[in-house]
Amino acid sequence: MAKEKKGDRKKQEKEKRAEEPEKRVEEEYNLAKEMKKTLTPIIFGIIAGILSFLATGEFRQRDAFGIIILVFLIYVQKFILPKMGIELEGKDWAGIAFLTFSSWYISWTIMLNL
């Protein structure tokens, strides 16, 4: 009986080792998706900042138009991210909106101060 238990343990250890490479590949794949999910809103925020700067120019009365551009580009991501293979949940939109807003605000502020 003791030999059978040792044999079973060895089989279980081999099975665990065989499963580990599959988990690593899955983790790398998820990492790539998470990077896309993070970098896409940042890039869209920078684009929104540039467009906001170009659209408003030196006129302070048109600052609200810059915010409309930001909201539009957040909405556009609803269609672009699924085409990139990223499945979105409700909680993801808060992070996407925050990243887009933050990078929009930073890029627009930098351009206004140049």
PDB file of N, CA and C in Angstrom:
ATOM      1  N   MET A   1       0.806  -1.192   0.000  1.00  0.00           N
ATOM      2  CA  MET A   1       0.000   0.000   0.000  1.00  0.00           C
ATOM      3  C   MET A   1       0.853   1.261   0.000  1.00  0.00           C
ATOM      4  N   ALA A   2       1.950   1.243   0.724  1.00  0.00           N
ATOM      5  CA  ALA A   2       2.807   2.409   0.788  1.00  0.00           C
ATOM      6  C   ALA A   2       3.399   2.719  -0.586  1.00  0.00           C
ATOM      7  N   LYS A   3       3.717   1.670  -1.369  1.00  0.00           N
ATOM      8  CA  LYS A   3       4.262   1.880  -2.699  1.00  0.00           C
ATOM      9  C   LYS A   3       3.205   2.466  -3.635  1.00  0.00           C
ATOM     10  N   GLU A   4       1.948   2.041  -3.463  1.00  0.00           N
ATOM     11  CA  GLU A   4       0.872   2.564  -4.304  1.00  0.00           C
ATOM     12  C   GLU A   4       0.654   4.056  -4.038  1.00  0.00           C
ATOM     13  N   LYS A   5       0.736   4.465  -2.783  1.00  0.00           N
ATOM     14  CA  LYS A   5       0.555   5.875  -2.434  1.00  0.00           C
ATOM     15  C   LYS A   5       1.669   6.729  -3.025  1.00  0.00           C
ATOM     16  N   LYS A   6       2.903   6.194  -2.983  1.00  0.00           N
ATOM     17  CA  LYS A   6       4.022   6.927  -3.557  1.00  0.00           C
ATOM     18  C   LYS A   6       3.846   7.054  -5.071  1.00  0.00           C
ATOM     19  N   GLY A   7       3.387   6.001  -5.704  1.00  0.00           N
ATOM     20  CA  GLY A   7       3.155   6.026  -7.144  1.00  0.00           C
ATOM     21  C   GLY A   7       2.057   7.022  -7.508  1.00  0.00           C
ATOM     22  N   ASP A   8       1.009   7.087  -6.690  1.00  0.00           N
ATOM     23  CA  ASP A   8      -0.075   8.036  -6.926  1.00  0.00           C
ATOM     24  C   ASP A   8       0.412   9.469  -6.762  1.00  0.00           C
ATOM     25  N   ARG A   9       1.241   9.678  -5.770  1.00  0.00           N
ATOM     26  CA  ARG A   9       1.781  11.026  -5.541  1.00  0.00           C
ATOM     27  C   ARG A   9       2.650  11.474  -6.715  1.00  0.00           C
ATOM     28  N   LYS A  10       3.453  10.555  -7.218  1.00  0.00           N
ATOM     29  CA  LYS A  10       4.310  10.885  -8.359  1.00  0.00           C
ATOM     30  C   LYS A  10       3.470  11.221  -9.585  1.00  0.00           C
ATOM     31  N   LYS A  11       2.397  10.475  -9.803  1.00  0.00           N
ATOM     32  CA  LYS A  11       1.514  10.755 -10.934  1.00  0.00           C
ATOM     33  C   LYS A  11       0.869  12.127 -10.790  1.00  0.00           C
ATOM     34  N   GLN A  12       0.437  12.434  -9.573  1.00  0.00           N
ATOM     35  CA  GLN A  12      -0.205  13.730  -9.330  1.00  0.00           C
ATOM     36  C   GLN A  12       0.786  14.868  -9.558  1.00  0.00           C
ATOM     37  N   GLU A  13       2.034  14.682  -9.116  1.00  0.00           N
ATOM     38  CA  GLU A  13       3.049  15.712  -9.313  1.00  0.00           C
ATOM     39  C   GLU A  13       3.349  15.909 -10.796  1.00  0.00           C
ATOM     40  N   LYS A  14       3.410  14.826 -11.560  1.00  0.00           N
ATOM     41  CA  LYS A  14       3.643  14.940 -12.994  1.00  0.00           C
ATOM     42  C   LYS A  14       2.495  15.666 -13.685  1.00  0.00           C
ATOM     43  N   GLU A  15       1.263  15.381 -13.255  1.00  0.00           N
ATOM     44  CA  GLU A  15       0.105  16.049 -13.842  1.00  0.00           C
ATOM     45  C   GLU A  15       0.139  17.547 -13.541  1.00  0.00           C
ATOM     46  N   LYS A  16       0.521  17.912 -12.332  1.00  0.00           N
ATOM     47  CA  LYS A  16       0.609  19.327 -11.953  1.00  0.00           C
ATOM     48  C   LYS A  16       1.675  20.037 -12.789  1.00  0.00           C
ATOM     49  N   ARG A  17       2.804  19.388 -12.994  1.00  0.00           N
ATOM     50  CA  ARG A  17       3.880  19.980 -13.799  1.00  0.00           C
ATOM     51  C   ARG A  17       3.442  20.153 -15.251  1.00  0.00           C
ATOM     52  N   ALA A  18       2.670  19.207 -15.752  1.00  0.00           N
ATOM     53  CA  ALA A  18       2.191  19.289 -17.130  1.00  0.00           C
ATOM     54  C   ALA A  18       1.195  20.438 -17.294  1.00  0.00           C
ATOM     55  N   GLU A  19       0.437  20.749 -16.239  1.00  0.00           N
ATOM     56  CA  GLU A  19      -0.554  21.829 -16.304  1.00  0.00           C
ATOM     57  C   GLU A  19       0.096  23.203 -16.189  1.00  0.00           C
ATOM     58  N   GLU A  20       1.245  23.328 -15.555  1.00  0.00           N
ATOM     59  CA  GLU A  20       1.889  24.618 -15.324  1.00  0.00           C
ATOM     60  C   GLU A  20       2.215  25.379 -16.604  1.00  0.00           C
ATOM     61  N   PRO A  21       2.788  24.772 -17.632  1.00  0.00           N
ATOM     62  CA  PRO A  21       3.058  25.547 -18.857  1.00  0.00           C
ATOM     63  C   PRO A  21       1.784  26.105 -19.488  1.00  0.00           C
ATOM     64  N   GLU A  22       0.687  25.364 -19.419  1.00  0.00           N
ATOM     65  CA  GLU A  22      -0.574  25.858 -19.953  1.00  0.00           C
ATOM     66  C   GLU A  22      -1.022  27.097 -19.199  1.00  0.00           C
ATOM     67  N   LYS A  23      -0.867  27.103 -17.891  1.00  0.00           N
ATOM     68  CA  LYS A  23      -1.246  28.265 -17.089  1.00  0.00           C
ATOM     69  C   LYS A  23      -0.374  29.465 -17.442  1.00  0.00           C
ATOM     70  N   ARG A  24       0.918  29.250 -17.659  1.00  0.00           N
ATOM     71  CA  ARG A  24       1.823  30.343 -17.994  1.00  0.00           C
ATOM     72  C   ARG A  24       1.438  30.972 -19.334  1.00  0.00           C
ATOM     73  N   VAL A  25       1.113  30.143 -20.304  1.00  0.00           N
ATOM     74  CA  VAL A  25       0.699  30.664 -21.604  1.00  0.00           C
ATOM     75  C   VAL A  25      -0.582  31.465 -21.455  1.00  0.00           C
ATOM     76  N   GLU A  26      -1.515  30.965 -20.654  1.00  0.00           N
ATOM     77  CA  GLU A  26      -2.771  31.665 -20.435  1.00  0.00           C
ATOM     78  C   GLU A  26      -2.536  32.995 -19.731  1.00  0.00           C
ATOM     79  N   GLU A  27      -1.614  33.031 -18.754  1.00  0.00           N
ATOM     80  CA  GLU A  27      -1.313  34.264 -18.051  1.00  0.00           C
ATOM     81  C   GLU A  27      -0.685  35.289 -18.984  1.00  0.00           C
ATOM     82  N   GLU A  28       0.217  34.873 -19.858  1.00  0.00           N
ATOM     83  CA  GLU A  28       0.826  35.790 -20.814  1.00  0.00           C
ATOM     84  C   GLU A  28      -0.221  36.336 -21.771  1.00  0.00           C
ATOM     85  N   TYR A  29      -1.127  35.498 -22.189  1.00  0.00           N
ATOM     86  CA  TYR A  29      -2.192  35.919 -23.089  1.00  0.00           C
ATOM     87  C   TYR A  29      -3.087  36.943 -22.405  1.00  0.00           C
ATOM     88  N   ASN A  30      -3.418  36.714 -21.153  1.00  0.00           N
ATOM     89  CA  ASN A  30      -4.226  37.668 -20.408  1.00  0.00           C
ATOM     90  C   ASN A  30      -3.457  38.959 -20.168  1.00  0.00           C
ATOM     91  N   LEU A  31      -2.167  38.871 -19.984  1.00  0.00           N
ATOM     92  CA  LEU A  31      -1.352  40.064 -19.797  1.00  0.00           C
ATOM     93  C   LEU A  31      -1.399  40.931 -21.049  1.00  0.00           C
ATOM     94  N   ALA A  32      -1.345  40.314 -22.210  1.00  0.00           N
ATOM     95  CA  ALA A  32      -1.410  41.071 -23.458  1.00  0.00           C
ATOM     96  C   ALA A  32      -2.755  41.780 -23.584  1.00  0.00           C
ATOM     97  N   LYS A  33      -3.826  41.104 -23.210  1.00  0.00           N
ATOM     98  CA  LYS A  33      -5.146  41.737 -23.263  1.00  0.00           C
ATOM     99  C   LYS A  33      -5.240  42.890 -22.274  1.00  0.00           C
ATOM    100  N   GLU A  34      -4.697  42.704 -21.100  1.00  0.00           N
ATOM    101  CA  GLU A  34      -4.744  43.765 -20.094  1.00  0.00           C
ATOM    102  C   GLU A  34      -3.912  44.972 -20.528  1.00  0.00           C
ATOM    103  N   MET A  35      -2.804  44.714 -21.202  1.00  0.00           N
ATOM    104  CA  MET A  35      -1.989  45.821 -21.714  1.00  0.00           C
ATOM    105  C   MET A  35      -2.749  46.595 -22.782  1.00  0.00           C
ATOM    106  N   LYS A  36      -3.441  45.871 -23.660  1.00  0.00           N
ATOM    107  CA  LYS A  36      -4.263  46.540 -24.671  1.00  0.00           C
ATOM    108  C   LYS A  36      -5.359  47.355 -24.005  1.00  0.00           C
ATOM    109  N   LYS A  37      -5.970  46.764 -22.969  1.00  0.00           N
ATOM    110  CA  LYS A  37      -7.062  47.430 -22.271  1.00  0.00           C
ATOM    111  C   LYS A  37      -6.573  48.680 -21.538  1.00  0.00           C
ATOM    112  N   THR A  38      -5.314  48.712 -21.177  1.00  0.00           N
ATOM    113  CA  THR A  38      -4.757  49.866 -20.476  1.00  0.00           C
ATOM    114  C   THR A  38      -4.210  50.914 -21.436  1.00  0.00           C
ATOM    115  N   LEU A  39      -3.476  50.483 -22.440  1.00  0.00           N
ATOM    116  CA  LEU A  39      -2.829  51.435 -23.343  1.00  0.00           C
ATOM    117  C   LEU A  39      -3.788  52.109 -24.315  1.00  0.00           C
ATOM    118  N   THR A  40      -4.833  51.408 -24.711  1.00  0.00           N
ATOM    119  CA  THR A  40      -5.783  51.995 -25.654  1.00  0.00           C
ATOM    120  C   THR A  40      -6.451  53.248 -25.086  1.00  0.00           C
ATOM    121  N   PRO A  41      -6.985  53.240 -23.857  1.00  0.00           N
ATOM    122  CA  PRO A  41      -7.563  54.481 -23.332  1.00  0.00           C
ATOM    123  C   PRO A  41      -6.546  55.611 -23.164  1.00  0.00           C
ATOM    124  N   ILE A  42      -5.313  55.266 -22.839  1.00  0.00           N
ATOM    125  CA  ILE A  42      -4.294  56.303 -22.696  1.00  0.00           C
ATOM    126  C   ILE A  42      -4.021  56.958 -24.049  1.00  0.00           C
ATOM    127  N   ILE A  43      -3.905  56.148 -25.085  1.00  0.00           N
ATOM    128  CA  ILE A  43      -3.674  56.694 -26.424  1.00  0.00           C
ATOM    129  C   ILE A  43      -4.874  57.524 -26.877  1.00  0.00           C
ATOM    130  N   PHE A  44      -6.075  57.022 -26.627  1.00  0.00           N
ATOM    131  CA  PHE A  44      -7.269  57.777 -26.999  1.00  0.00           C
ATOM    132  C   PHE A  44      -7.368  59.085 -26.219  1.00  0.00           C
ATOM    133  N   GLY A  45      -6.932  59.082 -24.977  1.00  0.00           N
ATOM    134  CA  GLY A  45      -6.932  60.310 -24.186  1.00  0.00           C
ATOM    135  C   GLY A  45      -5.963  61.343 -24.738  1.00  0.00           C
ATOM    136  N   ILE A  46      -4.800  60.889 -25.168  1.00  0.00           N
ATOM    137  CA  ILE A  46      -3.829  61.809 -25.769  1.00  0.00           C
ATOM    138  C   ILE A  46      -4.376  62.374 -27.079  1.00  0.00           C
ATOM    139  N   ILE A  47      -4.993  61.511 -27.876  1.00  0.00           N
ATOM    140  CA  ILE A  47      -5.607  61.981 -29.123  1.00  0.00           C
ATOM    141  C   ILE A  47      -6.710  62.993 -28.811  1.00  0.00           C
ATOM    142  N   ALA A  48      -7.519  62.725 -27.788  1.00  0.00           N
ATOM    143  CA  ALA A  48      -8.586  63.658 -27.402  1.00  0.00           C
ATOM    144  C   ALA A  48      -7.997  64.983 -26.936  1.00  0.00           C
ATOM    145  N   GLY A  49      -6.877  64.948 -26.221  1.00  0.00           N
ATOM    146  CA  GLY A  49      -6.220  66.181 -25.788  1.00  0.00           C
ATOM    147  C   GLY A  49      -5.720  67.004 -26.955  1.00  0.00           C
ATOM    148  N   ILE A  50      -5.134  66.335 -27.936  1.00  0.00           N
ATOM    149  CA  ILE A  50      -4.648  67.045 -29.123  1.00  0.00           C
ATOM    150  C   ILE A  50      -5.811  67.641 -29.898  1.00  0.00           C
ATOM    151  N   LEU A  51      -6.870  66.837 -30.104  1.00  0.00           N
ATOM    152  CA  LEU A  51      -8.043  67.346 -30.826  1.00  0.00           C
ATOM    153  C   LEU A  51      -8.713  68.491 -30.077  1.00  0.00           C
ATOM    154  N   SER A  52      -8.772  68.395 -28.755  1.00  0.00           N
ATOM    155  CA  SER A  52      -9.372  69.462 -27.962  1.00  0.00           C
ATOM    156  C   SER A  52      -8.571  70.748 -28.092  1.00  0.00           C
ATOM    157  N   PHE A  53      -7.262  70.629 -28.076  1.00  0.00           N
ATOM    158  CA  PHE A  53      -6.412  71.803 -28.226  1.00  0.00           C
ATOM    159  C   PHE A  53      -6.593  72.439 -29.603  1.00  0.00           C
ATOM    160  N   LEU A  54      -6.612  71.600 -30.631  1.00  0.00           N
ATOM    161  CA  LEU A  54      -6.762  72.115 -31.987  1.00  0.00           C
ATOM    162  C   LEU A  54      -8.154  72.718 -32.212  1.00  0.00           C
ATOM    163  N   ALA A  55      -9.180  72.133 -31.603  1.00  0.00           N
ATOM    164  CA  ALA A  55     -10.546  72.617 -31.810  1.00  0.00           C
ATOM    165  C   ALA A  55     -10.821  73.908 -31.053  1.00  0.00           C
ATOM    166  N   THR A  56     -10.274  74.024 -29.858  1.00  0.00           N
ATOM    167  CA  THR A  56     -10.561  75.220 -29.054  1.00  0.00           C
ATOM    168  C   THR A  56      -9.600  76.351 -29.345  1.00  0.00           C
ATOM    169  N   GLY A  57      -8.378  76.027 -29.649  1.00  0.00           N
ATOM    170  CA  GLY A  57      -7.395  77.070 -29.948  1.00  0.00           C
ATOM    171  C   GLY A  57      -7.230  78.034 -28.781  1.00  0.00           C
ATOM    172  N   GLU A  58      -7.287  79.305 -29.078  1.00  0.00           N
ATOM    173  CA  GLU A  58      -7.094  80.343 -28.072  1.00  0.00           C
ATOM    174  C   GLU A  58      -8.417  80.837 -27.474  1.00  0.00           C
ATOM    175  N   PHE A  59      -9.521  80.275 -27.904  1.00  0.00           N
ATOM    176  CA  PHE A  59     -10.817  80.750 -27.442  1.00  0.00           C
ATOM    177  C   PHE A  59     -11.246  80.007 -26.180  1.00  0.00           C
ATOM    178  N   ARG A  60     -11.373  80.726 -25.085  1.00  0.00           N
ATOM    179  CA  ARG A  60     -11.782  80.123 -23.822  1.00  0.00           C
ATOM    180  C   ARG A  60     -13.265  79.765 -23.833  1.00  0.00           C
ATOM    181  N   GLN A  61     -14.050  80.366 -24.701  1.00  0.00           N
ATOM    182  CA  GLN A  61     -15.477  80.092 -24.727  1.00  0.00           C
ATOM    183  C   GLN A  61     -15.772  78.695 -25.281  1.00  0.00           C
ATOM    184  N   ARG A  62     -14.828  78.107 -25.988  1.00  0.00           N
ATOM    185  CA  ARG A  62     -15.054  76.797 -26.596  1.00  0.00           C
ATOM    186  C   ARG A  62     -14.452  75.655 -25.773  1.00  0.00           C
ATOM    187  N   ASP A  63     -14.118  75.867 -24.519  1.00  0.00           N
ATOM    188  CA  ASP A  63     -13.555  74.798 -23.702  1.00  0.00           C
ATOM    189  C   ASP A  63     -14.525  73.635 -23.528  1.00  0.00           C
ATOM    190  N   ALA A  64     -15.812  73.906 -23.507  1.00  0.00           N
ATOM    191  CA  ALA A  64     -16.799  72.828 -23.361  1.00  0.00           C
ATOM    192  C   ALA A  64     -16.749  71.878 -24.562  1.00  0.00           C
ATOM    193  N   PHE A  65     -16.375  72.392 -25.713  1.00  0.00           N
ATOM    194  CA  PHE A  65     -16.258  71.547 -26.891  1.00  0.00           C
ATOM    195  C   PHE A  65     -15.150  70.507 -26.711  1.00  0.00           C
ATOM    196  N   GLY A  66     -14.099  70.846 -25.980  1.00  0.00           N
ATOM    197  CA  GLY A  66     -13.024  69.892 -25.688  1.00  0.00           C
ATOM    198  C   GLY A  66     -13.524  68.729 -24.853  1.00  0.00           C
ATOM    199  N   ILE A  67     -14.442  69.006 -23.933  1.00  0.00           N
ATOM    200  CA  ILE A  67     -15.015  67.948 -23.104  1.00  0.00           C
ATOM    201  C   ILE A  67     -15.912  67.045 -23.953  1.00  0.00           C
ATOM    202  N   ILE A  68     -16.620  67.635 -24.903  1.00  0.00           N
ATOM    203  CA  ILE A  68     -17.459  66.834 -25.803  1.00  0.00           C
ATOM    204  C   ILE A  68     -16.587  65.886 -26.622  1.00  0.00           C
ATOM    205  N   ILE A  69     -15.433  66.348 -27.055  1.00  0.00           N
ATOM    206  CA  ILE A  69     -14.497  65.487 -27.797  1.00  0.00           C
ATOM    207  C   ILE A  69     -14.054  64.323 -26.919  1.00  0.00           C
ATOM    208  N   LEU A  70     -13.760  64.606 -25.648  1.00  0.00           N
ATOM    209  CA  LEU A  70     -13.352  63.554 -24.707  1.00  0.00           C
ATOM    210  C   LEU A  70     -14.444  62.502 -24.575  1.00  0.00           C
ATOM    211  N   VAL A  71     -15.671  62.930 -24.346  1.00  0.00           N
ATOM    212  CA  VAL A  71     -16.781  61.988 -24.164  1.00  0.00           C
ATOM    213  C   VAL A  71     -16.989  61.162 -25.432  1.00  0.00           C
ATOM    214  N   PHE A  72     -16.872  61.796 -26.584  1.00  0.00           N
ATOM    215  CA  PHE A  72     -17.027  61.082 -27.852  1.00  0.00           C
ATOM    216  C   PHE A  72     -15.973  59.991 -28.000  1.00  0.00           C
ATOM    217  N   LEU A  73     -14.721  60.290 -27.667  1.00  0.00           N
ATOM    218  CA  LEU A  73     -13.667  59.280 -27.819  1.00  0.00           C
ATOM    219  C   LEU A  73     -13.776  58.167 -26.780  1.00  0.00           C
ATOM    220  N   ILE A  74     -14.336  58.462 -25.616  1.00  0.00           N
ATOM    221  CA  ILE A  74     -14.618  57.387 -24.654  1.00  0.00           C
ATOM    222  C   ILE A  74     -15.685  56.461 -25.240  1.00  0.00           C
ATOM    223  N   TYR A  75     -16.695  57.047 -25.862  1.00  0.00           N
ATOM    224  CA  TYR A  75     -17.775  56.258 -26.467  1.00  0.00           C
ATOM    225  C   TYR A  75     -17.265  55.427 -27.648  1.00  0.00           C
ATOM    226  N   VAL A  76     -16.349  55.958 -28.432  1.00  0.00           N
ATOM    227  CA  VAL A  76     -15.799  55.236 -29.585  1.00  0.00           C
ATOM    228  C   VAL A  76     -15.084  53.959 -29.138  1.00  0.00           C
ATOM    229  N   GLN A  77     -14.503  53.993 -27.952  1.00  0.00           N
ATOM    230  CA  GLN A  77     -13.789  52.817 -27.445  1.00  0.00           C
ATOM    231  C   GLN A  77     -14.733  51.638 -27.212  1.00  0.00           C
ATOM    232  N   LYS A  78     -16.011  51.924 -27.026  1.00  0.00           N
ATOM    233  CA  LYS A  78     -16.997  50.862 -26.848  1.00  0.00           C
ATOM    234  C   LYS A  78     -17.024  49.941 -28.062  1.00  0.00           C
ATOM    235  N   PHE A  79     -16.743  50.471 -29.238  1.00  0.00           N
ATOM    236  CA  PHE A  79     -16.773  49.693 -30.461  1.00  0.00           C
ATOM    237  C   PHE A  79     -15.393  49.173 -30.865  1.00  0.00           C
ATOM    238  N   ILE A  80     -14.349  49.889 -30.497  1.00  0.00           N
ATOM    239  CA  ILE A  80     -12.999  49.505 -30.913  1.00  0.00           C
ATOM    240  C   ILE A  80     -12.420  48.385 -30.043  1.00  0.00           C
ATOM    241  N   LEU A  81     -12.612  48.464 -28.743  1.00  0.00           N
ATOM    242  CA  LEU A  81     -12.025  47.457 -27.858  1.00  0.00           C
ATOM    243  C   LEU A  81     -12.537  46.043 -28.134  1.00  0.00           C
ATOM    244  N   PRO A  82     -13.838  45.823 -28.351  1.00  0.00           N
ATOM    245  CA  PRO A  82     -14.265  44.454 -28.688  1.00  0.00           C
ATOM    246  C   PRO A  82     -13.668  43.942 -30.005  1.00  0.00           C
ATOM    247  N   LYS A  83     -13.402  44.827 -30.952  1.00  0.00           N
ATOM    248  CA  LYS A  83     -12.772  44.397 -32.203  1.00  0.00           C
ATOM    249  C   LYS A  83     -11.315  44.000 -31.984  1.00  0.00           C
ATOM    250  N   MET A  84     -10.727  44.484 -30.904  1.00  0.00           N
ATOM    251  CA  MET A  84      -9.355  44.111 -30.562  1.00  0.00           C
ATOM    252  C   MET A  84      -9.325  42.812 -29.763  1.00  0.00           C
ATOM    253  N   GLY A  85     -10.494  42.211 -29.520  1.00  0.00           N
ATOM    254  CA  GLY A  85     -10.565  40.951 -28.785  1.00  0.00           C
ATOM    255  C   GLY A  85     -10.650  41.130 -27.289  1.00  0.00           C
ATOM    256  N   ILE A  86     -11.064  42.288 -26.831  1.00  0.00           N
ATOM    257  CA  ILE A  86     -11.149  42.562 -25.403  1.00  0.00           C
ATOM    258  C   ILE A  86     -12.612  42.558 -24.984  1.00  0.00           C
ATOM    259  N   GLU A  87     -12.946  41.663 -24.064  1.00  0.00           N
ATOM    260  CA  GLU A  87     -14.304  41.611 -23.550  1.00  0.00           C
ATOM    261  C   GLU A  87     -14.393  42.550 -22.353  1.00  0.00           C
ATOM    262  N   LEU A  88     -15.376  43.425 -22.364  1.00  0.00           N
ATOM    263  CA  LEU A  88     -15.501  44.430 -21.322  1.00  0.00           C
ATOM    264  C   LEU A  88     -16.674  44.131 -20.402  1.00  0.00           C
ATOM    265  N   GLU A  89     -16.464  44.407 -19.136  1.00  0.00           N
ATOM    266  CA  GLU A  89     -17.515  44.282 -18.134  1.00  0.00           C
ATOM    267  C   GLU A  89     -17.887  45.685 -17.677  1.00  0.00           C
ATOM    268  N   GLY A  90     -18.890  45.774 -16.858  1.00  0.00           N
ATOM    269  CA  GLY A  90     -19.340  47.080 -16.377  1.00  0.00           C
ATOM    270  C   GLY A  90     -18.274  47.829 -15.600  1.00  0.00           C
ATOM    271  N   LYS A  91     -17.529  47.107 -14.776  1.00  0.00           N
ATOM    272  CA  LYS A  91     -16.513  47.768 -13.950  1.00  0.00           C
ATOM    273  C   LYS A  91     -15.334  48.273 -14.787  1.00  0.00           C
ATOM    274  N   ASP A  92     -15.125  47.695 -15.950  1.00  0.00           N
ATOM    275  CA  ASP A  92     -14.015  48.122 -16.804  1.00  0.00           C
ATOM    276  C   ASP A  92     -14.213  49.540 -17.318  1.00  0.00           C
ATOM    277  N   TRP A  93     -15.461  49.953 -17.489  1.00  0.00           N
ATOM    278  CA  TRP A  93     -15.723  51.272 -18.061  1.00  0.00           C
ATOM    279  C   TRP A  93     -15.287  52.396 -17.137  1.00  0.00           C
ATOM    280  N   ALA A  94     -15.342  52.175 -15.848  1.00  0.00           N
ATOM    281  CA  ALA A  94     -14.867  53.203 -14.920  1.00  0.00           C
ATOM    282  C   ALA A  94     -13.365  53.418 -15.097  1.00  0.00           C
ATOM    283  N   GLY A  95     -12.624  52.338 -15.222  1.00  0.00           N
ATOM    284  CA  GLY A  95     -11.181  52.446 -15.429  1.00  0.00           C
ATOM    285  C   GLY A  95     -10.833  53.037 -16.783  1.00  0.00           C
ATOM    286  N   ILE A  96     -11.566  52.633 -17.813  1.00  0.00           N
ATOM    287  CA  ILE A  96     -11.318  53.163 -19.158  1.00  0.00           C
ATOM    288  C   ILE A  96     -11.596  54.659 -19.190  1.00  0.00           C
ATOM    289  N   ALA A  97     -12.722  55.062 -18.608  1.00  0.00           N
ATOM    290  CA  ALA A  97     -13.067  56.487 -18.585  1.00  0.00           C
ATOM    291  C   ALA A  97     -12.036  57.280 -17.785  1.00  0.00           C
ATOM    292  N   PHE A  98     -11.577  56.740 -16.660  1.00  0.00           N
ATOM    293  CA  PHE A  98     -10.593  57.457 -15.844  1.00  0.00           C
ATOM    294  C   PHE A  98      -9.262  57.596 -16.575  1.00  0.00           C
ATOM    295  N   LEU A  99      -8.795  56.517 -17.198  1.00  0.00           N
ATOM    296  CA  LEU A  99      -7.525  56.592 -17.926  1.00  0.00           C
ATOM    297  C   LEU A  99      -7.609  57.559 -19.097  1.00  0.00           C
ATOM    298  N   THR A 100      -8.720  57.528 -19.811  1.00  0.00           N
ATOM    299  CA  THR A 100      -8.889  58.436 -20.939  1.00  0.00           C
ATOM    300  C   THR A 100      -8.950  59.881 -20.457  1.00  0.00           C
ATOM    301  N   PHE A 101      -9.721  60.119 -19.397  1.00  0.00           N
ATOM    302  CA  PHE A 101      -9.835  61.470 -18.849  1.00  0.00           C
ATOM    303  C   PHE A 101      -8.486  61.983 -18.364  1.00  0.00           C
ATOM    304  N   SER A 102      -7.764  61.147 -17.635  1.00  0.00           N
ATOM    305  CA  SER A 102      -6.469  61.575 -17.076  1.00  0.00           C
ATOM    306  C   SER A 102      -5.473  61.942 -18.176  1.00  0.00           C
ATOM    307  N   SER A 103      -5.349  61.085 -19.174  1.00  0.00           N
ATOM    308  CA  SER A 103      -4.391  61.384 -20.240  1.00  0.00           C
ATOM    309  C   SER A 103      -4.865  62.557 -21.094  1.00  0.00           C
ATOM    310  N   TRP A 104      -6.189  62.712 -21.269  1.00  0.00           N
ATOM    311  CA  TRP A 104      -6.734  63.880 -21.983  1.00  0.00           C
ATOM    312  C   TRP A 104      -6.382  65.163 -21.232  1.00  0.00           C
ATOM    313  N   TYR A 105      -6.623  65.161 -19.938  1.00  0.00           N
ATOM    314  CA  TYR A 105      -6.384  66.351 -19.118  1.00  0.00           C
ATOM    315  C   TYR A 105      -4.904  66.734 -19.123  1.00  0.00           C
ATOM    316  N   ILE A 106      -4.046  65.750 -18.959  1.00  0.00           N
ATOM    317  CA  ILE A 106      -2.605  66.017 -18.921  1.00  0.00           C
ATOM    318  C   ILE A 106      -2.117  66.547 -20.271  1.00  0.00           C
ATOM    319  N   SER A 107      -2.508  65.868 -21.358  1.00  0.00           N
ATOM    320  CA  SER A 107      -2.014  66.305 -22.669  1.00  0.00           C
ATOM    321  C   SER A 107      -2.575  67.675 -23.060  1.00  0.00           C
ATOM    322  N   TRP A 108      -3.835  67.927 -22.782  1.00  0.00           N
ATOM    323  CA  TRP A 108      -4.427  69.221 -23.126  1.00  0.00           C
ATOM    324  C   TRP A 108      -3.806  70.344 -22.300  1.00  0.00           C
ATOM    325  N   THR A 109      -3.566  70.099 -21.014  1.00  0.00           N
ATOM    326  CA  THR A 109      -2.956  71.099 -20.155  1.00  0.00           C
ATOM    327  C   THR A 109      -1.535  71.421 -20.602  1.00  0.00           C
ATOM    328  N   ILE A 110      -0.783  70.399 -20.968  1.00  0.00           N
ATOM    329  CA  ILE A 110       0.590  70.630 -21.437  1.00  0.00           C
ATOM    330  C   ILE A 110       0.565  71.481 -22.706  1.00  0.00           C
ATOM    331  N   MET A 111      -0.332  71.149 -23.617  1.00  0.00           N
ATOM    332  CA  MET A 111      -0.392  71.924 -24.857  1.00  0.00           C
ATOM    333  C   MET A 111      -0.861  73.375 -24.635  1.00  0.00           C
ATOM    334  N   LEU A 112      -1.737  73.578 -23.692  1.00  0.00           N
ATOM    335  CA  LEU A 112      -2.189  74.931 -23.403  1.00  0.00           C
ATOM    336  C   LEU A 112      -1.070  75.791 -22.800  1.00  0.00           C
ATOM    337  N   ASN A 113      -0.116  75.143 -22.155  1.00  0.00           N
ATOM    338  CA  ASN A 113       0.972  75.866 -21.496  1.00  0.00           C
ATOM    339  C   ASN A 113       2.224  75.994 -22.359  1.00  0.00           C
ATOM    340  N   LEU A 114       2.192  75.494 -23.553  1.00  0.00           N
ATOM    341  CA  LEU A 114       3.359  75.626 -24.427  1.00  0.00           C
ATOM    342  C   LEU A 114       3.400  76.986 -25.073  1.00  0.00           C
TER     343      LEU A 114
END
